Amino acid sequence: MHQPLAGTGPTDILSVANNPVLWICVAGVFGVIIIQSVIFMRAARRAAPAVDMSPKDIKTSFRSGAVSAIGPSLAVSLVAIALLGLFGAPAVLSRIGLIGSAAYDVAAAGIAAGSMGAKLGDASYTQSVFAVAFFAMSIGGAMWMLATLILTPLLRRGDAKVRSVNPLAMAIVPAAALIGAFACLGLTELPKSGIHVLSFIVSAAVMGLCLLLAHKLGKGWLREWGLGFSIVVALIAAYLAAGPAIGI
């Protein structure tokens, strides 16, 4: 069987990865994201009166969303910085920076490179391998977007039908789906190590404490900042627990 050849061709990845054309494409992607954000914010303001949301409630929800995004964004940023030398700034910004799934993108790039007999980061990682790896990363994201475009109208019709039968169900289902999704993400980390278990428990305890204090003291800002506090405290706990193991 013919084996793909690796290690042939230029290995100066960054000269291709930082091509001006790619920067223009990244600027276009960010432009679309900004336009979408503005559209969604305007739509939320228009729909607010129909669900009895005051301007203050809208402002609070926007602020809560912004605060909740800080922790996950910091984690993604650290991963993105580590991958700059491997994929270049445009690829990292357009994939890891926006999608945030570094695990998927690195896995997709690694599989694509392996199909050419190469390995990410070593002498066999040529410009041609980078092009194929970047294409593999991008096509996966494109399929997610395509699935969203196709499935969203179908789900909207299903939502309307369920609401006509039992409006209470659609008040419960979204909350249950969110709890299930985040619980699944958290529980999959537990078998990895005791430090993962500690981080999970500490973050859950801090979040629960923030919600309790917000209810007891009437401090709404604790609900908004609860996720940020839980992430920071869990990171500190993980660092302190991992210190002896790594000689700190």
Foldseek 3Di string as FASTA:
>chain_A
DDAFDFLDAAAPQQVVLVDVVLVVVLVVVVVVVVVVVVVVLVVCVVCCVVVVHDPVNSVLVVLLVVLLVVLLLVVLVVVLVVCCVQRNDSLSCVFCVPVVCPVVLVVQLQVQLVSNVHGGPDSRCHNVSSVSSSVSRVVVVVVVVVCCVVCVVVVVVVLVVVCVVPVVVVVPVVVVVVVVVVVVVLVVQVVPDPLSVQLSVQLVVQLVVLVVCCVVVVPPVSNSNSSVVSSVVSVVSSCVVCCVVVVD
